[in-house]
Amino acid sequence: MKAINKLWILVILTGLLVSCVKKEDHTISDLDKLRNSSNKKSYPAVQMDSIRVINDITTQKVQQLLELSTLYLSGNRNTEIDTTIYSQMQGYFQKPDSLTFKPLFKELESLKVKKVKVNNLTVYKDVQNKDTLDLAKFNVEYFDNRNKSIGTFEKNAQYTLVSKDMKLKKEFKFYFVNFYHEPLKKDTTSVGVTR
């Protein structure tokens, strides 16, 4: 029995001794990882096609402009903050004038809109009179002051991307040309002899 107890104690001590001995870890240090890696291996690039990027940017800009519009209309329109909001809204347009916001404000005021949500935005190009127009078609849902849905309406916007002069990067500035405009109708006059 003494021999068995001594054997068990020896096995336990040997097990403790083996577990206490550090094993050399053959991992590669962070410095070696960085030194021997490239961006292709370490950081996978997420690439989006240009249509999807333009679609996402346009959705964001439409939502922001509509939120600023409802915020502006909820104010007195004669305070400094209202002036700041209005000038910020004008920054979304390439050439804003006094009629830029008229259709938008008229609709928002008549329906007493307090909140908006943009859905199902799609961008497309339309060729009219040898000009290519960048257009967006989207649904906008209006909400009243109790957050109750007033309705969902289909709207259109024309936008443009203006190239910025950068040496190494291609950057563009987004502007609306027309907002809440009706798509231009094709000329239906037939070509022929007139008298």
Protein backbone atom coordinates (compact mmCIF):
# COMPACT_ATOMS: atom_id res chain seq x y z
CA MET A 1 0.00 0.00 0.00
CA LYS A 2 2.89 2.34 0.81
CA ALA A 3 4.37 1.62 -2.61
CA ILE A 4 1.09 2.48 -4.35
CA ASN A 5 0.77 5.78 -2.40
CA LYS A 6 4.38 6.69 -3.26
CA LEU A 7 3.71 5.83 -6.89
CA TRP A 8 0.59 8.07 -6.95
CA ILE A 9 2.48 10.95 -5.33
CA LEU A 10 5.28 10.51 -7.88
CA VAL A 11 2.79 10.54 -10.78
CA ILE A 12 1.06 13.66 -9.43
CA LEU A 13 4.36 15.49 -8.89
CA THR A 14 5.54 14.52 -12.37
CA GLY A 15 2.26 15.79 -13.83
CA LEU A 16 2.63 19.10 -11.98
CA LEU A 17 6.23 19.43 -13.08
CA VAL A 18 5.33 18.80 -16.73
CA SER A 19 2.44 21.28 -16.62
CA CYS A 20 4.65 23.96 -15.06
CA VAL A 21 7.28 23.71 -17.77
CA LYS A 22 6.60 26.38 -20.43
CA LYS A 23 6.27 25.13 -23.92
CA GLU A 24 7.84 27.31 -26.54
CA ASP A 25 5.16 28.96 -28.56
CA HIS A 26 6.00 29.09 -32.25
CA THR A 27 3.60 31.93 -33.06
CA ILE A 28 4.66 34.72 -35.35
CA SER A 29 4.99 38.11 -33.70
CA ASP A 30 2.79 41.01 -34.82
CA LEU A 31 5.81 42.80 -36.21
CA ASP A 32 6.71 39.80 -38.39
CA LYS A 33 3.08 39.55 -39.55
CA LEU A 34 3.10 43.18 -40.65
CA ARG A 35 6.52 42.93 -42.24
CA ASN A 36 5.62 39.90 -44.33
CA SER A 37 2.07 40.78 -45.28
CA SER A 38 0.44 42.87 -47.97
CA ASN A 39 -2.86 44.71 -48.04
CA LYS A 40 -4.32 42.09 -50.34
CA LYS A 41 -3.83 39.35 -47.79
CA SER A 42 -4.47 41.24 -44.57
CA TYR A 43 -7.27 43.62 -45.45
CA PRO A 44 -9.83 42.35 -47.93
CA ALA A 45 -11.17 45.16 -50.06
CA VAL A 46 -14.92 45.55 -50.22
CA GLN A 47 -15.88 46.78 -53.63
CA MET A 48 -19.25 48.12 -54.53
CA ASP A 49 -20.36 48.85 -58.01
CA SER A 50 -20.87 52.48 -58.90
CA ILE A 51 -24.65 52.20 -59.34
CA ARG A 52 -25.05 50.88 -55.81
CA VAL A 53 -22.83 53.63 -54.38
CA ILE A 54 -24.75 56.33 -56.26
CA ASN A 55 -28.02 54.75 -55.12
CA ASP A 56 -26.91 54.82 -51.47
CA ILE A 57 -25.63 58.40 -51.68
CA THR A 58 -28.81 59.59 -53.42
CA THR A 59 -30.99 57.90 -50.78
CA GLN A 60 -29.02 59.61 -48.04
CA LYS A 61 -29.19 63.04 -49.70
CA VAL A 62 -32.94 62.76 -50.38
CA GLN A 63 -33.60 61.75 -46.76
CA GLN A 64 -31.44 64.59 -45.40
CA LEU A 65 -33.06 67.21 -47.62
CA LEU A 66 -36.57 66.10 -46.66
CA GLU A 67 -35.69 66.09 -42.95
CA LEU A 68 -34.23 69.59 -43.22
CA SER A 69 -37.36 70.73 -45.07
CA THR A 70 -39.70 69.47 -42.35
CA LEU A 71 -37.46 71.03 -39.71
CA TYR A 72 -37.47 74.36 -41.56
CA LEU A 73 -41.26 74.33 -41.98
CA SER A 74 -41.80 73.57 -38.30
CA GLY A 75 -39.96 76.78 -37.33
CA ASN A 76 -40.89 80.44 -37.65
CA ARG A 77 -38.77 80.87 -40.82
CA ASN A 78 -37.36 84.14 -39.56
CA THR A 79 -34.83 83.10 -36.92
CA GLU A 80 -31.10 82.57 -37.33
CA ILE A 81 -31.47 78.80 -37.08
CA ASP A 82 -34.12 78.84 -39.82
CA THR A 83 -31.78 80.88 -42.03
CA THR A 84 -29.00 78.37 -41.37
CA ILE A 85 -31.26 75.42 -42.20
CA TYR A 86 -32.43 77.13 -45.40
CA SER A 87 -28.88 77.87 -46.55
CA GLN A 88 -27.92 74.27 -45.77
CA MET A 89 -30.82 73.09 -47.93
CA GLN A 90 -29.65 75.35 -50.76
CA GLY A 91 -26.25 73.62 -50.57
CA TYR A 92 -27.88 70.44 -51.88
CA PHE A 93 -28.67 72.17 -55.18
CA GLN A 94 -26.33 73.14 -57.96
CA LYS A 95 -28.17 76.37 -58.81
CA PRO A 96 -30.82 77.13 -56.19
CA ASP A 97 -33.29 79.93 -56.83
CA SER A 98 -36.47 81.21 -55.22
CA LEU A 99 -38.60 78.52 -56.91
CA THR A 100 -36.40 75.57 -55.94
CA PHE A 101 -38.33 74.61 -52.81
CA LYS A 102 -41.82 75.81 -53.78
CA PRO A 103 -43.32 72.42 -54.85
CA LEU A 104 -41.70 70.66 -51.91
CA PHE A 105 -42.84 73.17 -49.30
CA LYS A 106 -46.34 73.36 -50.78
CA GLU A 107 -46.84 69.61 -50.51
CA LEU A 108 -45.33 69.27 -47.03
CA GLU A 109 -47.40 72.17 -45.67
CA SER A 110 -50.68 71.04 -47.24
CA LEU A 111 -50.34 67.56 -45.73
CA LYS A 112 -48.96 68.88 -42.39
CA VAL A 113 -45.96 66.56 -42.58
CA LYS A 114 -43.71 66.32 -39.53
CA LYS A 115 -41.57 63.30 -40.47
CA VAL A 116 -40.51 61.56 -43.69
CA LYS A 117 -39.04 58.23 -44.69
CA VAL A 118 -37.54 57.44 -48.10
CA ASN A 119 -38.03 53.94 -49.54
CA ASN A 120 -37.28 52.05 -52.75
CA LEU A 121 -35.00 54.59 -54.38
CA THR A 122 -33.62 53.64 -57.77
CA VAL A 123 -31.36 55.70 -59.99
CA TYR A 124 -31.46 55.58 -63.75
CA LYS A 125 -30.35 57.53 -66.79
CA ASP A 126 -32.65 59.01 -69.40
CA VAL A 127 -31.58 60.41 -72.76
CA GLN A 128 -33.54 63.45 -73.90
CA ASN A 129 -32.55 65.69 -76.78
CA LYS A 130 -29.02 64.22 -76.87
CA ASP A 131 -28.59 64.95 -73.14
CA THR A 132 -28.20 62.19 -70.57
CA LEU A 133 -30.08 62.99 -67.38
CA ASP A 134 -29.35 61.33 -64.04
CA LEU A 135 -32.70 60.67 -62.38
CA ALA A 136 -33.91 59.05 -59.19
CA LYS A 137 -37.34 57.58 -58.57
CA PHE A 138 -38.33 56.92 -54.97
CA ASN A 139 -41.23 56.47 -52.59
CA VAL A 140 -41.55 58.85 -49.68
CA GLU A 141 -43.78 58.13 -46.71
CA TYR A 142 -45.14 61.10 -44.78
CA PHE A 143 -45.97 61.06 -41.07
CA ASP A 144 -47.96 63.54 -39.01
CA ASN A 145 -47.13 64.94 -35.55
CA ARG A 146 -48.50 61.76 -33.89
CA ASN A 147 -46.16 59.61 -36.02
CA LYS A 148 -49.16 58.28 -37.95
CA SER A 149 -48.61 57.57 -41.65
CA ILE A 150 -50.27 60.09 -43.95
CA GLY A 151 -49.43 58.11 -47.08
CA THR A 152 -46.71 56.97 -49.44
CA PHE A 153 -46.06 58.94 -52.61
CA GLU A 154 -43.88 58.27 -55.65
CA LYS A 155 -41.49 61.15 -56.37
CA ASN A 156 -38.71 61.99 -58.80
CA ALA A 157 -35.50 63.96 -58.56
CA GLN A 158 -32.82 64.91 -61.04
CA TYR A 159 -29.25 65.02 -59.78
CA THR A 160 -25.77 65.58 -61.09
CA LEU A 161 -22.29 64.55 -60.03
CA VAL A 162 -19.75 67.32 -60.50
CA SER A 163 -16.12 66.21 -60.69
CA LYS A 164 -13.71 67.84 -58.27
CA ASP A 165 -10.16 68.43 -59.45
CA MET A 166 -8.03 66.07 -57.39
CA LYS A 167 -4.58 64.87 -58.44
CA LEU A 168 -4.75 61.25 -57.33
CA LYS A 169 -8.36 60.58 -56.43
CA LYS A 170 -11.57 60.85 -58.37
CA GLU A 171 -14.02 62.72 -56.20
CA PHE A 172 -17.44 64.03 -57.05
CA LYS A 173 -19.79 66.52 -55.48
CA PHE A 174 -23.48 65.55 -55.44
CA TYR A 175 -26.12 68.16 -56.33
CA PHE A 176 -29.81 68.06 -57.06
CA VAL A 177 -30.84 69.80 -60.27
CA ASN A 178 -34.60 69.38 -59.76
CA PHE A 179 -36.39 67.96 -56.76
CA TYR A 180 -39.98 66.68 -56.81
CA HIS A 181 -40.21 67.38 -60.51
CA GLU A 182 -42.28 65.44 -62.94
CA PRO A 183 -40.21 63.45 -65.42
CA LEU A 184 -39.90 65.28 -68.71
CA LYS A 185 -42.32 63.99 -71.29
CA LYS A 186 -41.09 62.89 -74.68
CA ASP A 187 -42.05 65.18 -77.52
CA THR A 188 -44.94 63.45 -79.30
CA THR A 189 -44.99 65.68 -82.37
CA SER A 190 -44.40 63.50 -85.39
CA VAL A 191 -41.96 64.51 -88.04
CA GLY A 192 -43.57 65.26 -91.36
CA VAL A 193 -44.85 67.89 -93.73
CA THR A 194 -46.85 70.65 -92.12
CA ARG A 195 -48.94 73.26 -93.91
